[in-house]
Amino acid sequence: MSDKGSKDKKSLSRVKYWEVNKAMCFMSYYPFTTFFFDVLMKILNLLKVERMVKMTELTPTDLDRHESVDMKFTDNFFENVIKKNLGALLSANIPTFGALLNFKLLGSFAETQIEFKLDQQNLAYTFEVSWACTVVFRYITYKDLLWFYTALLLERKLVFLTSNIHLLTAILFVLKSLIKPFSYPFPLIFNLPEVLTVYCDAPGAALIGINKGEEYLKEQELFQQYPSCIFVCLDEEKMYLDPENNVQSVQFNNFERPLITYYTKLNSNFNRAIVEAKKSSKRIANKHESIKLTEDHEEREKSFKIMELFKETIEKKLLSFIPSRPIYKNNNKELDYDEIGRIIMARAKDVDKKFLKEFLQTQIWAYYVEMHYSNQ
């Protein structure tokens, strides 16, 4: 076996995995992530309890065929508990904004009440990242967040690497949501398999995650092979990029100060812990390994304030300047993006123009303008 093969085998031996006979995937149009996660965890707990009860009832004959008995139990649990409960959930009425969603999870021996309160309508765009934004804002500095936000809107190809799958998923989710009301029309890959790294060479922008560290980037020579990508190694807090792909963080007038304020309030306790770790001789390059994945109500509210700040700022500094009526080229119903852009630039403040000048040439902007006028 080659040295590379030996490394791969050694790396694989450190990975925890389970071989299962059946895997289930639940899909929904509704991005109530925390609620669905709670439902799935409660179902998993029911499965554990009912399996334990079932195993205690086994006769000596049953023990001899334990595997087949357990398989039959799992199939019955799927039919009698999971399908029935999810069927009841499917038929439940979706509550209005600000109201409670109550759901009773029924098992063979017990029932569990699950409650989920929908946020107000103005926070609806945060549903999909309600579980993730606090994680990201604790880990990434506000300056890095601004830079990633700018690079994403200016359609750079961003590839994030980290051995922490929770952090990787959270960052990609949050960045995609942070640019709302703009849509991201390019590939979004949360965990790119090793055999598909060639996707890094695809034309156009992309937002990609790789569940590996900097060592993998160097071994595979990814930066040398795909210089159009910006590789962000979160574990090592390093970034690899060609100077031509660099961007200057957006500097909207009166934007950075409130962002710093919200960040300071959210991260005060977390940053104190990091400072104390730095004072000791302990190496903290891998502080992501102990990332706090839970949050309290106060932290969640502070995170939403940061999300709101980005949305309100882009609305005030850009979207409020869009002409109320569409402007066409020669009356042929083809939008005149250049003229629309000139009007916006004339209305914008000088400090905002450097970013706007490049952003108004992107596909993200063109798609938004097209949808904006088509919905009138």
Protein backbone atom coordinates (compact mmCIF):
# COMPACT_ATOMS: atom_id res chain seq x y z
CA MET A 1 0.00 0.00 0.00
CA SER A 2 1.27 3.49 -0.82
CA ASP A 3 2.07 6.10 1.83
CA LYS A 4 -1.01 8.05 0.78
CA GLY A 5 -3.14 4.90 1.12
CA SER A 6 -1.71 4.30 4.58
CA LYS A 7 -2.60 7.86 5.60
CA ASP A 8 -6.13 7.46 4.28
CA LYS A 9 -6.56 4.19 6.19
CA LYS A 10 -5.16 5.75 9.37
CA SER A 11 -7.48 8.74 9.00
CA LEU A 12 -10.47 6.47 8.41
CA SER A 13 -9.70 4.53 11.58
CA ARG A 14 -10.31 7.71 13.60
CA VAL A 15 -13.75 8.26 12.09
CA LYS A 16 -16.80 7.04 14.01
CA TYR A 17 -19.41 5.42 11.83
CA TRP A 18 -22.28 3.01 12.11
CA GLU A 19 -23.34 0.34 9.65
CA VAL A 20 -27.13 0.21 9.51
CA ASN A 21 -29.70 -1.78 7.59
CA LYS A 22 -32.06 1.12 7.09
CA ALA A 23 -31.61 4.88 6.89
CA MET A 24 -34.50 7.34 6.90
CA CYS A 25 -34.57 10.85 5.47
CA PHE A 26 -37.36 13.27 6.35
CA MET A 27 -38.01 16.25 4.07
CA SER A 28 -40.18 19.33 4.47
CA TYR A 29 -40.86 22.62 2.71
CA TYR A 30 -40.98 24.35 6.09
CA PRO A 31 -37.60 25.44 7.52
CA PHE A 32 -38.56 24.88 11.16
CA THR A 33 -35.17 23.33 11.82
CA THR A 34 -35.20 23.38 15.62
CA PHE A 35 -38.72 21.93 15.76
CA PHE A 36 -38.00 19.07 13.35
CA PHE A 37 -34.73 18.34 15.16
CA ASP A 38 -36.66 18.14 18.42
CA VAL A 39 -39.21 15.77 16.84
CA LEU A 40 -36.48 13.48 15.48
CA MET A 41 -34.62 13.41 18.81
CA LYS A 42 -37.84 12.55 20.64
CA ILE A 43 -38.52 9.75 18.12
CA LEU A 44 -35.00 8.44 18.67
CA ASN A 45 -35.55 8.47 22.44
CA LEU A 46 -38.83 6.57 21.97
CA LEU A 47 -37.00 4.02 19.86
CA LYS A 48 -34.40 3.50 22.60
CA VAL A 49 -36.99 3.14 25.35
CA GLU A 50 -39.27 0.80 23.45
CA ARG A 51 -36.35 -1.34 22.27
CA MET A 52 -35.15 -1.67 25.85
CA VAL A 53 -38.64 -2.71 26.97
CA LYS A 54 -38.86 -5.17 24.10
CA MET A 55 -35.48 -6.72 24.92
CA THR A 56 -36.47 -7.28 28.56
CA GLU A 57 -39.51 -9.26 27.38
CA LEU A 58 -37.52 -11.68 25.22
CA THR A 59 -37.73 -15.38 26.00
CA PRO A 60 -34.66 -17.66 25.84
CA THR A 61 -35.85 -18.76 22.39
CA ASP A 62 -36.03 -15.15 21.23
CA LEU A 63 -32.49 -14.49 22.46
CA ASP A 64 -31.18 -17.15 20.08
CA ARG A 65 -32.56 -15.15 17.17
CA HIS A 66 -31.90 -11.70 18.60
CA GLU A 67 -30.90 -10.11 15.30
CA SER A 68 -34.09 -11.07 13.45
CA VAL A 69 -36.24 -10.05 16.45
CA ASP A 70 -34.54 -6.66 16.59
CA MET A 71 -35.00 -6.20 12.84
CA LYS A 72 -38.70 -6.97 13.14
CA PHE A 73 -39.02 -4.57 16.08
CA THR A 74 -37.40 -1.76 14.06
CA ASP A 75 -39.72 -2.37 11.10
CA ASN A 76 -42.77 -2.36 13.39
CA PHE A 77 -41.58 0.81 15.10
CA PHE A 78 -41.26 2.50 11.72
CA GLU A 79 -44.77 1.49 10.69
CA ASN A 80 -46.60 1.97 13.99
CA VAL A 81 -44.80 4.93 15.52
CA ILE A 82 -42.77 6.93 12.99
CA LYS A 83 -45.17 6.82 10.04
CA LYS A 84 -48.24 7.45 12.19
CA ASN A 85 -46.68 10.39 14.01
CA LEU A 86 -45.27 12.00 10.90
CA GLY A 87 -48.60 11.45 9.18
CA ALA A 88 -50.32 13.30 12.01
CA LEU A 89 -47.72 16.07 11.76
CA LEU A 90 -48.27 16.32 8.03
CA SER A 91 -52.00 16.89 8.53
CA ALA A 92 -51.53 19.44 11.33
CA ASN A 93 -52.38 23.07 10.63
CA ILE A 94 -49.38 25.35 10.21
CA PRO A 95 -49.69 28.12 12.82
CA THR A 96 -49.57 31.80 11.95
CA PHE A 97 -46.52 33.95 12.69
CA GLY A 98 -45.99 34.48 16.41
CA ALA A 99 -48.23 31.52 17.36
CA LEU A 100 -47.48 28.13 18.93
CA LEU A 101 -47.27 24.84 17.08
CA ASN A 102 -48.30 22.05 19.47
CA PHE A 103 -47.62 18.45 18.55
CA LYS A 104 -48.19 15.29 20.57
CA LEU A 105 -45.75 12.49 19.82
CA LEU A 106 -47.35 9.12 20.60
CA GLY A 107 -45.36 5.99 21.41
CA SER A 108 -46.45 2.51 22.42
CA PHE A 109 -45.89 3.23 26.14
CA ALA A 110 -45.74 7.01 26.46
CA GLU A 111 -46.49 10.32 24.79
CA THR A 112 -44.48 13.54 24.55
CA GLN A 113 -45.73 17.07 24.01
CA ILE A 114 -43.61 19.24 21.71
CA GLU A 115 -44.11 23.00 21.40
CA PHE A 116 -42.60 25.35 18.85
CA LYS A 117 -43.24 29.07 18.64
CA LEU A 118 -42.93 30.68 15.22
CA ASP A 119 -41.20 34.03 15.21
CA GLN A 120 -42.83 37.19 13.95
CA GLN A 121 -43.08 37.62 10.17
CA ASN A 122 -40.18 40.09 9.99
CA LEU A 123 -37.89 37.29 11.27
CA ALA A 124 -39.20 34.58 8.95
CA TYR A 125 -36.01 34.63 6.87
CA THR A 126 -34.05 33.45 9.93
CA PHE A 127 -36.05 30.22 10.39
CA GLU A 128 -33.57 28.06 8.52
CA VAL A 129 -30.58 29.29 10.56
CA SER A 130 -32.12 29.75 13.99
CA TRP A 131 -30.00 26.81 15.18
CA ALA A 132 -26.79 27.98 13.51
CA CYS A 133 -26.32 31.74 13.67
CA THR A 134 -25.21 31.86 17.32
CA VAL A 135 -22.63 29.14 16.66
CA VAL A 136 -21.18 31.11 13.73
CA PHE A 137 -21.22 34.53 15.40
CA ARG A 138 -19.40 33.09 18.42
CA TYR A 139 -16.69 31.55 16.28
CA ILE A 140 -16.09 34.06 13.44
CA THR A 141 -14.97 37.62 14.16
CA TYR A 142 -17.14 40.41 12.83
CA LYS A 143 -14.36 41.43 10.42
CA ASP A 144 -14.17 37.93 8.96
CA LEU A 145 -17.95 37.81 8.71
CA LEU A 146 -17.98 41.09 6.77
CA TRP A 147 -15.28 39.79 4.43
CA PHE A 148 -17.10 36.50 3.73
CA TYR A 149 -20.37 38.40 3.22
CA THR A 150 -18.69 40.71 0.70
CA ALA A 151 -16.93 37.87 -1.13
CA LEU A 152 -20.17 35.91 -1.42
CA LEU A 153 -22.12 38.85 -2.85
CA LEU A 154 -19.29 39.62 -5.29
CA GLU A 155 -19.49 36.01 -6.49
CA ARG A 156 -16.13 34.70 -5.37
CA LYS A 157 -15.80 30.93 -5.10
CA LEU A 158 -15.57 30.16 -1.37
CA VAL A 159 -14.42 26.78 -0.05
CA PHE A 160 -14.52 26.25 3.72
CA LEU A 161 -12.51 23.45 5.34
CA THR A 162 -12.88 22.18 8.90
CA SER A 163 -12.88 18.83 10.66
CA ASN A 164 -15.93 19.98 12.65
CA ILE A 165 -19.02 19.07 10.61
CA HIS A 166 -21.34 21.12 12.87
CA LEU A 167 -19.33 24.30 12.31
CA LEU A 168 -19.03 23.60 8.59
CA THR A 169 -22.78 23.18 8.08
CA ALA A 170 -23.61 26.16 10.27
CA ILE A 171 -21.30 28.57 8.43
CA LEU A 172 -22.61 27.68 4.99
CA PHE A 173 -26.22 27.92 6.17
CA VAL A 174 -25.67 31.30 7.80
CA LEU A 175 -23.80 32.86 4.87
CA LYS A 176 -26.52 31.76 2.46
CA SER A 177 -29.16 33.28 4.73
CA LEU A 178 -27.16 36.39 5.56
CA ILE A 179 -27.34 37.73 1.98
CA LYS A 180 -31.16 37.69 1.96
CA PRO A 181 -33.27 39.13 0.38
CA PHE A 182 -30.87 38.11 -2.38
CA SER A 183 -30.93 34.50 -3.57
CA TYR A 184 -27.77 32.50 -4.18
CA PRO A 185 -28.12 31.05 -7.71
CA PHE A 186 -24.82 29.15 -7.70
CA PRO A 187 -23.87 25.67 -6.43
CA LEU A 188 -24.10 25.22 -2.66
CA ILE A 189 -22.41 22.01 -1.46
CA PHE A 190 -22.34 21.44 2.29
CA ASN A 191 -19.85 18.57 2.32
CA LEU A 192 -17.99 17.92 -0.93
CA PRO A 193 -16.88 14.25 -1.25
CA GLU A 194 -13.21 13.65 -2.00
CA VAL A 195 -14.01 12.07 -5.36
CA LEU A 196 -15.81 15.25 -6.46
CA THR A 197 -13.17 17.89 -5.66
CA VAL A 198 -13.06 18.57 -9.40
CA TYR A 199 -16.22 20.62 -8.78
CA CYS A 200 -13.88 23.28 -7.41
CA ASP A 201 -12.88 23.87 -11.05
CA ALA A 202 -16.45 24.50 -12.25
CA PRO A 203 -16.98 27.92 -13.86
CA GLY A 204 -18.73 30.64 -11.90
CA ALA A 205 -19.19 31.18 -8.20
CA ALA A 206 -19.84 28.49 -5.59
CA LEU A 207 -20.14 28.00 -1.84
CA ILE A 208 -18.52 24.70 -0.84
CA GLY A 209 -17.72 22.88 2.38
CA ILE A 210 -15.09 20.18 2.87
CA ASN A 211 -15.03 18.22 6.13
CA LYS A 212 -11.22 18.20 6.33
CA GLY A 213 -8.45 20.39 7.70
CA GLU A 214 -5.50 22.26 6.20
CA GLU A 215 -3.42 19.07 5.98
CA TYR A 216 -5.87 17.69 3.43
CA LEU A 217 -5.69 20.90 1.37
CA LYS A 218 -1.90 20.63 1.24
CA GLU A 219 -1.82 16.87 0.52
CA GLN A 220 -4.23 17.23 -2.39
CA GLU A 221 -2.62 20.50 -3.57
CA LEU A 222 -6.08 21.99 -3.90
CA PHE A 223 -4.93 25.61 -3.99
CA GLN A 224 -2.43 24.84 -6.75
CA GLN A 225 -5.05 22.96 -8.78
CA TYR A 226 -7.91 25.42 -8.27
CA PRO A 227 -6.48 28.94 -7.94
CA SER A 228 -9.89 30.49 -8.67
CA CYS A 229 -11.09 29.25 -5.26
CA ILE A 230 -10.66 30.98 -1.93
CA PHE A 231 -9.86 28.26 0.61
CA VAL A 232 -10.73 29.07 4.23
CA CYS A 233 -9.19 26.69 6.78
CA LEU A 234 -11.30 27.25 9.88
CA ASP A 235 -9.38 24.89 12.16
CA GLU A 236 -6.07 26.66 11.53
CA GLU A 237 -7.64 30.12 11.01
CA LYS A 238 -5.92 30.55 7.65
CA MET A 239 -7.03 31.57 4.18
CA TYR A 240 -5.51 30.73 0.78
CA LEU A 241 -6.40 33.03 -2.11
CA ASP A 242 -5.00 34.48 -5.29
CA PRO A 243 -4.54 38.27 -4.92
CA GLU A 244 -6.84 38.76 -7.90
CA ASN A 245 -9.70 37.20 -5.90
CA ASN A 246 -9.26 39.45 -2.89
CA VAL A 247 -12.07 41.83 -1.94
CA GLN A 248 -12.34 44.83 0.31
CA SER A 249 -14.99 44.32 2.95
CA VAL A 250 -18.15 46.31 2.40
CA GLN A 251 -17.98 49.60 4.30
CA PHE A 252 -21.53 50.87 4.40
CA ASN A 253 -21.86 54.15 6.28
CA ASN A 254 -22.88 53.69 9.96
CA PHE A 255 -22.87 49.90 9.67
CA GLU A 256 -19.74 48.64 11.40
CA ARG A 257 -20.33 50.33 14.76
CA PRO A 258 -23.69 48.66 15.55
CA LEU A 259 -22.29 45.36 14.27
CA ILE A 260 -19.41 45.62 16.76
CA THR A 261 -21.89 46.44 19.53
CA TYR A 262 -24.04 43.37 18.85
CA TYR A 263 -20.97 41.17 18.51
CA THR A 264 -19.53 42.41 21.79
CA LYS A 265 -22.77 41.71 23.66
CA LEU A 266 -23.06 38.22 22.22
CA ASN A 267 -19.45 37.21 22.67
CA SER A 268 -18.49 38.87 25.95
CA ASN A 269 -18.47 35.66 28.01
CA PHE A 270 -17.18 33.51 25.16
CA ASN A 271 -14.27 35.86 24.43
CA ARG A 272 -13.31 36.02 28.10
CA ALA A 273 -12.94 32.24 28.06
CA ILE A 274 -10.68 32.46 25.00
CA VAL A 275 -8.53 35.16 26.64
CA GLU A 276 -8.08 32.98 29.73
CA ALA A 277 -7.05 30.06 27.51
CA LYS A 278 -4.49 32.28 25.78
CA LYS A 279 -3.00 33.29 29.12
CA SER A 280 -2.25 29.66 29.85
CA SER A 281 0.18 27.62 27.77
CA LYS A 282 -2.69 25.65 26.24
CA ARG A 283 -2.84 25.75 22.45
CA ILE A 284 -6.30 26.94 21.31
CA ALA A 285 -6.03 26.55 17.54
CA ASN A 286 -8.67 23.84 17.77
CA LYS A 287 -11.11 25.71 20.01
CA HIS A 288 -13.83 24.72 17.53
CA GLU A 289 -13.79 21.23 19.03
CA SER A 290 -15.62 22.52 22.10
CA ILE A 291 -18.04 24.80 20.27
CA LYS A 292 -21.21 25.35 22.23
CA LEU A 293 -24.02 24.13 20.00
CA THR A 294 -26.84 25.22 22.27
CA GLU A 295 -28.08 28.71 23.02
CA ASP A 296 -30.35 30.48 25.44
CA HIS A 297 -33.13 32.90 24.52
CA GLU A 298 -30.98 35.99 25.10
CA GLU A 299 -28.16 34.73 22.87
CA ARG A 300 -30.65 33.86 20.15
CA GLU A 301 -32.13 37.35 20.26
CA LYS A 302 -28.67 38.93 19.96
CA SER A 303 -27.85 36.71 16.99
CA PHE A 304 -31.07 37.71 15.26
CA LYS A 305 -30.13 41.36 15.81
CA ILE A 306 -26.99 40.75 13.76
CA MET A 307 -29.02 39.06 11.02
CA GLU A 308 -31.49 41.95 11.02
CA LEU A 309 -28.69 44.51 10.82
CA PHE A 310 -27.35 43.03 7.58
CA LYS A 311 -30.82 42.86 6.03
CA GLU A 312 -31.87 46.36 7.09
CA THR A 313 -28.58 47.85 5.94
CA ILE A 314 -28.75 46.39 2.42
CA GLU A 315 -32.36 47.55 2.16
CA LYS A 316 -31.46 51.08 3.23
CA LYS A 317 -28.18 51.44 1.32
CA LEU A 318 -29.25 49.78 -1.92
CA LEU A 319 -32.76 48.42 -2.33
CA SER A 320 -34.46 51.69 -1.36
CA PHE A 321 -32.79 53.32 -4.40
CA ILE A 322 -34.28 50.95 -6.98
CA PRO A 323 -36.56 52.85 -9.43
CA SER A 324 -40.21 52.23 -8.60
CA ARG A 325 -40.98 51.36 -12.22
CA PRO A 326 -38.94 49.08 -14.50
CA ILE A 327 -36.70 50.69 -17.08
CA TYR A 328 -36.50 48.92 -20.44
CA LYS A 329 -34.22 49.10 -23.46
CA ASN A 330 -36.00 50.56 -26.49
CA ASN A 331 -39.42 49.54 -25.16
CA ASN A 332 -38.74 45.86 -25.90
CA LYS A 333 -39.37 44.71 -22.33
CA GLU A 334 -35.68 43.94 -21.80
CA LEU A 335 -34.58 45.44 -18.51
CA ASP A 336 -31.93 48.13 -18.80
CA TYR A 337 -29.66 47.07 -15.95
CA ASP A 338 -27.08 49.73 -16.80
CA GLU A 339 -29.57 52.58 -16.46
CA ILE A 340 -31.03 51.12 -13.27
CA GLY A 341 -27.49 50.88 -11.92
CA ARG A 342 -26.70 54.50 -12.85
CA ILE A 343 -29.77 55.72 -10.98
CA ILE A 344 -28.79 53.73 -7.88
CA MET A 345 -25.20 54.97 -7.96
CA ALA A 346 -26.40 58.57 -8.24
CA ARG A 347 -28.53 58.12 -5.11
CA ALA A 348 -25.97 56.20 -3.04
CA LYS A 349 -23.47 57.73 -0.64
CA ASP A 350 -19.87 57.96 -1.80
CA VAL A 351 -18.59 55.59 0.91
CA ASP A 352 -20.95 52.86 -0.36
CA LYS A 353 -20.17 53.21 -4.08
CA LYS A 354 -17.02 51.09 -4.30
CA PHE A 355 -18.87 47.93 -3.28
CA LEU A 356 -22.05 48.82 -5.21
CA LYS A 357 -20.17 49.44 -8.44
CA GLU A 358 -18.95 45.82 -8.57
CA PHE A 359 -22.05 44.27 -7.04
CA LEU A 360 -24.38 45.83 -9.62
CA GLN A 361 -22.59 43.76 -12.29
CA THR A 362 -23.27 40.39 -10.65
CA GLN A 363 -25.77 37.67 -11.52
CA ILE A 364 -27.06 37.81 -7.94
CA TRP A 365 -28.13 41.41 -8.51
CA ALA A 366 -29.54 40.80 -11.99
CA TYR A 367 -31.68 37.92 -10.72
CA TYR A 368 -32.99 40.00 -7.83
CA VAL A 369 -33.95 42.92 -10.09
CA GLU A 370 -35.72 40.58 -12.52
CA MET A 371 -37.74 38.99 -9.70
CA HIS A 372 -38.40 42.39 -8.11
CA TYR A 373 -40.13 43.80 -11.19
CA SER A 374 -41.82 40.57 -12.21
CA ASN A 375 -43.62 40.50 -8.83
CA GLN A 376 -45.09 43.98 -9.31
